[in-house]
Amino acid sequence: MIGPDVTATPERGRPGVILKLMGAILMMLGTLDSLLTLRGGIPAHEFLILIAIGAAIFGVGAVRARYGAADRDTAVADESDARRVQERP
């Protein structure tokens, strides 16, 4: 039974998780590629760009995770407060 104070809204995933995962994968691939090319005796300057892009994407995901969760929590609180005001006779 759902009471008047409980809302049945579906939970969304945490923001920024997919971006952080993609950034971590790009950094790992860049590191592995650079290590393999260094082992072969070839300079690995191209793969440093891949590591930097992965770090930038990871940073964007971390920022979205930090600030996106706070915005979502206040939005849910505002919606539930508005519903309570509308329900009052």
C-alpha atoms as a PDB file:
ATOM      1  CA  MET A   1       0.000   0.000   0.000  1.00  0.00           C
ATOM      2  CA  ILE A   2       1.336   3.374  -0.953  1.00  0.00           C
ATOM      3  CA  GLY A   3       0.597   6.155   1.481  1.00  0.00           C
ATOM      4  CA  PRO A   4       0.096   9.831   0.612  1.00  0.00           C
ATOM      5  CA  ASP A   5       3.736  10.694   1.389  1.00  0.00           C
ATOM      6  CA  VAL A   6       5.253   7.899  -0.699  1.00  0.00           C
ATOM      7  CA  THR A   7       5.641   8.421  -4.428  1.00  0.00           C
ATOM      8  CA  ALA A   8       5.990   5.575  -6.879  1.00  0.00           C
ATOM      9  CA  THR A   9       8.536   7.147  -9.224  1.00  0.00           C
ATOM     10  CA  PRO A  10      11.062   4.888 -10.948  1.00  0.00           C
ATOM     11  CA  GLU A  11      14.703   5.300  -9.917  1.00  0.00           C
ATOM     12  CA  ARG A  12      17.143   6.529 -12.548  1.00  0.00           C
ATOM     13  CA  GLY A  13      20.755   5.496 -12.688  1.00  0.00           C
ATOM     14  CA  ARG A  14      23.472   7.662 -11.276  1.00  0.00           C
ATOM     15  CA  PRO A  15      24.602  10.329 -13.743  1.00  0.00           C
ATOM     16  CA  GLY A  16      28.135  10.187 -15.094  1.00  0.00           C
ATOM     17  CA  VAL A  17      28.712   6.455 -14.596  1.00  0.00           C
ATOM     18  CA  ILE A  18      28.786   5.614 -18.295  1.00  0.00           C
ATOM     19  CA  LEU A  19      31.152   8.495 -19.072  1.00  0.00           C
ATOM     20  CA  LYS A  20      33.496   7.485 -16.271  1.00  0.00           C
ATOM     21  CA  LEU A  21      33.466   3.884 -17.517  1.00  0.00           C
ATOM     22  CA  MET A  22      34.196   4.952 -21.102  1.00  0.00           C
ATOM     23  CA  GLY A  23      37.021   7.223 -19.939  1.00  0.00           C
ATOM     24  CA  ALA A  24      38.573   4.459 -17.850  1.00  0.00           C
ATOM     25  CA  ILE A  25      38.400   2.032 -20.784  1.00  0.00           C
ATOM     26  CA  LEU A  26      40.060   4.551 -23.117  1.00  0.00           C
ATOM     27  CA  MET A  27      42.839   5.181 -20.598  1.00  0.00           C
ATOM     28  CA  MET A  28      43.424   1.441 -20.185  1.00  0.00           C
ATOM     29  CA  LEU A  29      43.504   0.869 -23.941  1.00  0.00           C
ATOM     30  CA  GLY A  30      45.898   3.769 -24.430  1.00  0.00           C
ATOM     31  CA  THR A  31      48.182   2.449 -21.693  1.00  0.00           C
ATOM     32  CA  LEU A  32      48.171  -1.087 -23.073  1.00  0.00           C
ATOM     33  CA  ASP A  33      48.789   0.106 -26.639  1.00  0.00           C
ATOM     34  CA  SER A  34      51.633   2.364 -25.574  1.00  0.00           C
ATOM     35  CA  LEU A  35      53.273  -0.414 -23.565  1.00  0.00           C
ATOM     36  CA  LEU A  36      53.016  -2.848 -26.469  1.00  0.00           C
ATOM     37  CA  THR A  37      54.495  -0.384 -28.960  1.00  0.00           C
ATOM     38  CA  LEU A  38      57.306   0.523 -26.558  1.00  0.00           C
ATOM     39  CA  ARG A  39      58.098  -3.162 -26.199  1.00  0.00           C
ATOM     40  CA  GLY A  40      58.332  -3.368 -29.982  1.00  0.00           C
ATOM     41  CA  GLY A  41      60.761  -0.441 -30.046  1.00  0.00           C
ATOM     42  CA  ILE A  42      58.397   2.052 -31.673  1.00  0.00           C
ATOM     43  CA  PRO A  43      57.741   5.463 -30.067  1.00  0.00           C
ATOM     44  CA  ALA A  44      54.229   5.621 -28.616  1.00  0.00           C
ATOM     45  CA  HIS A  45      53.360   9.314 -28.830  1.00  0.00           C
ATOM     46  CA  GLU A  46      50.015   8.707 -30.553  1.00  0.00           C
ATOM     47  CA  PHE A  47      48.657   6.703 -27.656  1.00  0.00           C
ATOM     48  CA  LEU A  48      49.333   9.465 -25.156  1.00  0.00           C
ATOM     49  CA  ILE A  49      46.529  11.386 -26.863  1.00  0.00           C
ATOM     50  CA  LEU A  50      44.217   8.420 -26.262  1.00  0.00           C
ATOM     51  CA  ILE A  51      45.140   8.434 -22.565  1.00  0.00           C
ATOM     52  CA  ALA A  52      44.536  12.201 -22.332  1.00  0.00           C
ATOM     53  CA  ILE A  53      41.146  11.959 -24.065  1.00  0.00           C
ATOM     54  CA  GLY A  54      40.176   9.114 -21.724  1.00  0.00           C
ATOM     55  CA  ALA A  55      41.185  11.193 -18.705  1.00  0.00           C
ATOM     56  CA  ALA A  56      39.144  14.152 -19.973  1.00  0.00           C
ATOM     57  CA  ILE A  57      36.040  11.989 -20.513  1.00  0.00           C
ATOM     58  CA  PHE A  58      36.510  10.438 -17.066  1.00  0.00           C
ATOM     59  CA  GLY A  59      36.740  13.944 -15.577  1.00  0.00           C
ATOM     60  CA  VAL A  60      33.504  15.020 -17.260  1.00  0.00           C
ATOM     61  CA  GLY A  61      31.787  11.924 -15.874  1.00  0.00           C
ATOM     62  CA  ALA A  62      33.109  12.642 -12.394  1.00  0.00           C
ATOM     63  CA  VAL A  63      31.811  16.209 -12.518  1.00  0.00           C
ATOM     64  CA  ARG A  64      28.404  15.034 -13.734  1.00  0.00           C
ATOM     65  CA  ALA A  65      28.299  12.430 -10.958  1.00  0.00           C
ATOM     66  CA  ARG A  66      29.165  15.043  -8.356  1.00  0.00           C
ATOM     67  CA  TYR A  67      26.736  17.764  -9.400  1.00  0.00           C
ATOM     68  CA  GLY A  68      24.079  15.721 -11.198  1.00  0.00           C
ATOM     69  CA  ALA A  69      23.090  13.726  -8.105  1.00  0.00           C
ATOM     70  CA  ALA A  70      22.500  16.873  -6.031  1.00  0.00           C
ATOM     71  CA  ASP A  71      20.352  18.460  -8.747  1.00  0.00           C
ATOM     72  CA  ARG A  72      18.275  15.304  -9.119  1.00  0.00           C
ATOM     73  CA  ASP A  73      17.684  14.978  -5.362  1.00  0.00           C
ATOM     74  CA  THR A  74      16.465  18.567  -5.057  1.00  0.00           C
ATOM     75  CA  ALA A  75      14.232  18.141  -8.117  1.00  0.00           C
ATOM     76  CA  VAL A  76      12.610  15.049  -6.595  1.00  0.00           C
ATOM     77  CA  ALA A  77      12.137  16.855  -3.280  1.00  0.00           C
ATOM     78  CA  ASP A  78      10.562  19.844  -5.051  1.00  0.00           C
ATOM     79  CA  GLU A  79       8.148  17.576  -6.950  1.00  0.00           C
ATOM     80  CA  SER A  80       7.080  15.714  -3.819  1.00  0.00           C
ATOM     81  CA  ASP A  81       6.548  19.011  -1.945  1.00  0.00           C
ATOM     82  CA  ALA A  82       4.406  20.297  -4.817  1.00  0.00           C
ATOM     83  CA  ARG A  83       2.296  17.112  -4.731  1.00  0.00           C
ATOM     84  CA  ARG A  84       1.750  17.439  -1.002  1.00  0.00           C
ATOM     85  CA  VAL A  85       0.554  21.035  -1.404  1.00  0.00           C
ATOM     86  CA  GLN A  86      -1.857  19.998  -4.183  1.00  0.00           C
ATOM     87  CA  GLU A  87      -3.276  17.123  -2.097  1.00  0.00           C
ATOM     88  CA  ARG A  88      -4.263  19.360   0.806  1.00  0.00           C
ATOM     89  CA  PRO A  89      -7.987  20.255   0.808  1.00  0.00           C
END
